[in-house]
Each structure stands twice: as C-alpha cells, then as structure tokens.
Protein backbone atom coordinates (compact mmCIF):
# COMPACT_ATOMS: atom_id res chain seq x y z
CA MET A 1 -0.24 -0.24 0.01
CA LYS A 2 1.85 3.26 -1.04
CA LYS A 3 0.98 6.60 0.47
CA PHE A 4 2.56 10.04 -0.94
CA ILE A 5 2.21 13.56 0.65
CA LEU A 6 2.43 16.17 -1.99
CA PRO A 7 2.00 19.68 -0.65
CA LEU A 8 1.61 22.13 -2.70
CA LEU A 9 3.79 24.98 -1.86
CA LEU A 10 4.36 27.48 -4.31
CA ILE A 11 1.54 29.98 -5.29
CA LEU A 12 2.21 31.20 -8.86
CA THR A 13 1.96 34.88 -9.76
CA VAL A 14 0.56 36.24 -13.11
CA GLY A 15 3.59 35.74 -15.77
CA MET A 16 4.95 33.07 -13.45
CA LEU A 17 7.75 35.92 -12.46
CA ALA A 18 7.69 34.83 -8.70
CA ALA A 19 6.82 32.04 -6.38
CA VAL A 20 5.52 32.48 -2.95
CA GLU A 21 5.62 30.19 -0.05
CA SER A 22 2.38 29.56 1.39
CA GLU A 23 1.78 29.77 5.34
CA PRO A 24 1.62 25.85 6.35
CA SER A 25 -2.01 26.04 7.51
CA GLU A 26 -2.86 26.99 4.23
CA VAL A 27 -0.31 24.11 2.39
CA VAL A 28 -2.39 21.83 0.41
CA GLY A 29 -1.95 18.21 -0.22
CA TYR A 30 -2.46 14.57 -0.37
CA VAL A 31 -1.88 11.39 1.29
CA LYS A 32 -3.15 7.88 -0.59
CA TYR A 33 -3.78 4.41 -0.08
CA ASP A 34 -4.51 1.69 -2.55
CA CYS A 35 -6.87 -0.44 -1.15
CA LEU A 36 -8.33 -3.93 -2.58
CA VAL A 37 -10.88 -5.71 -2.51
CA GLY A 38 -11.89 -6.78 1.11
CA LEU A 39 -10.79 -5.19 4.26
CA ASN A 40 -8.72 -1.77 4.06
CA LEU A 41 -6.72 0.11 6.98
CA VAL A 42 -6.31 3.61 5.67
CA ALA A 43 -5.54 7.29 8.30
CA MET A 44 -7.20 10.63 7.45
CA PRO A 45 -3.52 12.62 7.40
CA MET A 46 -5.04 15.98 6.12
CA ASP A 47 -7.74 18.13 7.29
CA ASP A 48 -10.21 17.70 4.63
CA GLY A 49 -13.44 19.23 6.04
CA LEU A 50 -14.81 15.05 6.50
CA THR A 51 -16.77 15.30 9.62
CA LEU A 52 -18.45 11.77 9.74
CA THR A 53 -18.68 8.11 8.03
CA SER A 54 -21.31 9.27 5.35
CA GLU A 55 -19.43 12.01 4.23
CA VAL A 56 -15.91 9.28 3.47
CA GLY A 57 -18.69 6.88 1.67
CA ALA A 58 -20.44 9.82 -0.09
CA ILE A 59 -16.84 10.72 -1.79
CA TYR A 60 -16.53 7.01 -2.96
CA ASN A 61 -20.03 5.60 -3.80
CA ALA A 62 -20.69 8.77 -5.73
CA THR A 63 -20.88 6.51 -8.83
CA ASN A 64 -21.18 2.89 -7.34
CA GLU A 65 -21.44 1.47 -3.72
CA ASN A 66 -17.88 0.75 -3.40
CA ILE A 67 -18.02 0.89 0.36
CA ASP A 68 -20.18 -1.07 2.32
CA ALA A 69 -18.62 -0.47 6.16
CA ILE A 70 -16.23 1.58 7.42
CA ASN A 71 -15.48 0.56 11.03
CA ILE A 72 -13.66 2.58 13.82
CA TRP A 73 -11.68 1.09 16.66
CA ASP A 74 -13.03 2.27 20.57
CA PRO A 75 -10.28 1.56 22.95
CA ALA A 76 -12.13 2.03 25.38
CA SER A 77 -14.34 -1.07 24.96
CA GLN A 78 -11.57 -2.41 22.73
CA THR A 79 -13.91 -3.01 20.10
CA TRP A 80 -15.07 -2.15 16.06
CA PHE A 81 -17.61 0.82 16.11
CA PHE A 82 -19.40 -0.51 12.47
CA SER A 83 -20.99 1.99 10.58
CA THR A 84 -22.86 0.16 7.66
CA ASN A 85 -23.62 1.66 4.24
CA TYR A 86 -27.52 0.78 3.78
CA GLY A 87 -27.80 2.69 0.41
CA GLY A 88 -28.86 5.57 -0.80
CA GLY A 89 -26.25 7.99 1.43
CA PHE A 90 -28.06 6.33 4.71
CA TRP A 91 -25.05 5.08 6.92
CA ASP A 92 -25.89 3.58 10.35
CA PRO A 93 -24.85 4.59 12.92
CA ASP A 94 -22.82 7.96 11.13
CA LEU A 95 -20.28 7.86 13.16
CA PRO A 96 -17.57 11.38 13.57
CA VAL A 97 -14.54 11.52 11.99
CA ALA A 98 -11.66 13.99 12.52
CA PRO A 99 -7.98 14.54 11.29
CA GLY A 100 -6.10 11.64 12.44
CA SER A 101 -8.81 8.84 12.40
CA ILE A 102 -8.44 5.53 11.38
CA LEU A 103 -10.82 3.82 9.10
CA TYR A 104 -11.08 0.23 9.14
CA PHE A 105 -13.39 -0.46 6.06
CA ASN A 106 -14.55 -3.47 3.40
CA THR A 107 -14.66 -2.33 -0.41
CA ILE A 108 -16.32 -4.38 -3.73
CA THR A 109 -14.01 -2.86 -5.40
CA PRO A 110 -10.59 -1.87 -5.99
CA LEU A 111 -10.24 2.25 -5.50
CA THR A 112 -7.65 3.87 -4.41
CA PHE A 113 -8.84 6.25 -0.92
CA TYR A 114 -7.64 9.92 -0.85
CA SER A 115 -6.94 12.07 2.30
CA ILE A 116 -6.78 15.68 0.37
CA GLY A 117 -6.80 18.62 2.25
CA ALA A 118 -4.99 21.35 4.02
CA MET A 119 -2.38 20.10 6.37
CA PRO A 120 -3.37 20.22 10.13
CA SER A 121 -2.66 23.05 11.81
CA THR A 122 -1.78 20.64 14.81
CA ASN A 123 -0.20 17.54 13.78
CA ALA A 124 -1.63 14.11 14.76
CA GLN A 125 -1.46 13.58 18.42
CA TYR A 126 -2.60 10.30 20.11
CA ASN A 127 -3.91 9.07 23.91
CA ILE A 128 -3.12 5.78 24.01
CA ILE A 129 -4.25 3.48 26.61
CA PRO A 130 -3.51 -0.02 27.71
CA GLY A 131 -4.86 -2.42 25.37
CA LEU A 132 -5.04 -2.26 21.47
CA ASN A 133 -4.92 0.97 19.44
CA THR A 134 -4.86 2.28 16.45
CA ILE A 135 -2.28 5.69 15.32
CA MET A 136 -0.78 7.34 12.61
CA VAL A 137 2.63 8.55 11.88
CA PRO A 138 2.16 12.10 12.20
CA LEU A 139 3.07 14.08 9.14
CA ASN A 140 6.12 16.07 11.05
CA MET A 141 7.39 12.53 11.78
CA ASN A 142 9.10 11.76 8.72
CA THR A 143 12.35 9.70 10.26
CA LEU A 144 9.89 7.06 11.33
CA THR A 145 10.51 4.71 8.97
CA LEU A 146 10.82 1.27 11.04
CA THR A 147 8.20 0.24 14.00
CA SER A 148 11.32 -0.22 16.27
CA GLU A 149 11.52 3.40 15.24
CA VAL A 150 8.09 3.89 16.60
CA GLY A 151 8.18 1.85 19.68
CA ALA A 152 11.08 3.95 20.69
CA SER A 153 9.82 7.27 19.80
CA ILE A 154 6.72 6.25 21.87
CA GLY A 155 8.93 4.61 25.01
CA ASP A 156 10.82 1.32 23.96
CA GLY A 157 10.00 -1.23 26.63
CA GLU A 158 7.59 0.57 28.43
CA TYR A 159 4.51 0.82 26.75
CA LEU A 160 4.14 -0.79 23.09
CA ASP A 161 5.09 -4.52 22.77
CA ALA A 162 3.57 -5.01 19.43
CA ILE A 163 2.44 -2.97 16.52
CA ASN A 164 0.61 -4.56 14.03
CA LEU A 165 0.20 -3.62 10.29
CA TRP A 166 -2.93 -4.67 7.94
CA ASP A 167 -1.83 -6.42 4.97
CA ALA A 168 -4.79 -5.84 2.70
CA VAL A 169 -3.41 -8.79 -0.04
CA SER A 170 -3.39 -11.77 2.64
CA GLN A 171 -6.66 -9.63 3.96
CA THR A 172 -4.31 -10.52 7.92
CA TRP A 173 -2.32 -8.78 10.19
CA THR A 174 1.21 -8.82 10.37
CA PHE A 175 2.87 -8.56 13.68
CA SER A 176 6.01 -6.22 14.56
CA THR A 177 6.94 -7.73 18.34
CA ASN A 178 8.94 -6.08 20.64
CA TYR A 179 10.79 -8.31 22.58
CA GLY A 180 13.16 -5.73 24.65
CA GLY A 181 15.71 -3.80 24.13
CA GLY A 182 15.06 -1.86 20.67
CA PHE A 183 14.69 -5.46 18.99
CA TRP A 184 11.59 -5.67 17.05
CA ASP A 185 11.12 -8.76 15.32
CA PRO A 186 10.04 -8.63 12.44
CA ASP A 187 11.26 -5.07 11.84
CA LEU A 188 8.48 -3.48 9.21
CA ASN A 189 8.35 -0.59 7.49
CA VAL A 190 6.46 3.03 8.13
CA SER A 191 6.27 5.63 6.53
CA ILE A 192 4.40 9.65 7.25
CA GLY A 193 0.11 8.24 7.88
CA THR A 194 1.03 4.79 8.06
CA PRO A 195 -2.20 4.12 9.96
CA LEU A 196 -1.23 1.34 13.05
CA PHE A 197 -2.86 -1.00 15.26
CA VAL A 198 -0.66 -1.08 18.49
CA ASN A 199 -0.68 -2.84 22.20
CA SER A 200 0.39 -0.98 24.79
CA ILE A 201 0.54 -2.07 28.27
CA ASN A 202 0.49 1.48 29.97
CA SER A 203 -1.36 4.69 29.47
CA VAL A 204 0.81 7.52 26.94
CA THR A 205 0.28 10.55 25.16
CA TRP A 206 1.99 10.38 21.97
CA PRO A 207 3.82 12.28 20.74
CA THR A 208 3.85 15.03 23.11
CA GLY A 209 2.58 18.63 22.66
CA PRO A 210 -0.63 20.37 23.16
CA ARG A 211 -3.45 18.27 21.23
CA ILE A 212 -4.52 15.01 22.02
CA LEU A 213 -7.09 12.89 19.95
CA LYS A 214 -9.26 11.47 22.13
CA SER A 215 -11.64 9.15 20.75
CA LEU A 216 -14.68 10.56 19.14
CA LEU A 217 -17.27 7.53 19.88
CA PRO A 218 -19.98 7.24 22.01
CA SER A 219 -19.96 5.38 24.82
CA LYS A 220 -21.08 1.55 24.37
CA SER A 221 -24.03 0.85 27.40
CA LYS A 222 -23.06 -2.32 29.61
C-alpha cells in the first residue's frame, strides 16, 4: 500500500515571474492509499473537512456502492464500531471522524483512498491506553521508517509490546513484536500516514504536545 504526500508549496504569480511559499495552514496536499477488494486500513492525515462516515462514503460511492462498511476502533471498549452503508447515502450509525482518524473499511471494488486537504494546524496526537489502539505516523515525523523506531519514539519497552500492520493482499495482520532492548521482529517498514494497530501496556500521550486525539465515539452501554 503506497502512501504519498504532495504539498502545494508554491503559488504562481501572473507571468510566472515569482513564487511565494504558503503559510503552513494553507499548504494543501494529499496522502493516498491503494485499497483492494476486502478489508483495508487507512488514515485521514489531512484536514479535509469530513466529519462523518457518511461523508467519507459519499465520496467513494458517488457512482457505485464501493464501500459497504466503515469501522472505527474504540480503545475504551476494545471493540470496533461499525458504520454500515444501507444505500442511498444512508449510513447507520453515522460515526464521527476527524484529521488523524483511522478507518478500517470493506470495499467491493479496488479503489484509491485519498486524504486531501490542508495540512492540519497541529499534527495528530493520540491518547494511547492499555490494550489495542489505532494510531497513525504523524506527518511531521518522517524520520520514523521502521516499527522499531515508532516503538522507541513512544518509549521502547515501557509502552508498546506489538505494532500490527494490515496486509490487504493476504487480508491478515502482520505483527511486529517488541522483544525488549530495542529489538523488534520483524522490523516492518512504515512512513508518514501509515495506520498502525498497536498494543500498549501503559497509558501514554504520543507524540507529546498540546493536542490529543481522543475517541470521538459514544460510550457503549454496559
């Protein structure tokens, strides 16, 4: 699954005699994910203005019903919340999404999923709790290229004991296990925008900073 970010940094003036760099909040770009028939794991790195699963579905189901379900992981209950496409633009429940959200959806045809929009004013940050969590390699952390480096940036040995990547070809999870001392096997490749399904043994905010992407989902009744 290939991912690219292509920010538009130059605004051409009349006559193309000069160029000016945009302010960070005005930089527009995209990250793309090549999705196969079946389940796919993608992220929403860019600020694209989408706030609901129905809005995401509407983009890809405009001509054909390509996506029949969008699932979002809820770490508090350790379960997936399912947003089902019943046709005609009706999704139930219609779940909230935001920049930094991770989507696990089923497609009936291959498609390329795009997160297109402005660079977020603040990069994604996650409130990781004990158990399984979905996170994304933030756009400002392009130095992270391996799962071992992600683990080290969160606090190697103290927090994550496994990082899982979804393989759409085999429709299975690929597991990168933390054996301690900075040794992860297999040490899998990642890049900015890569969605990850991680298991943590302690609570931690990652990366540190002013923003925390808390769960947008409603609490399940017991």
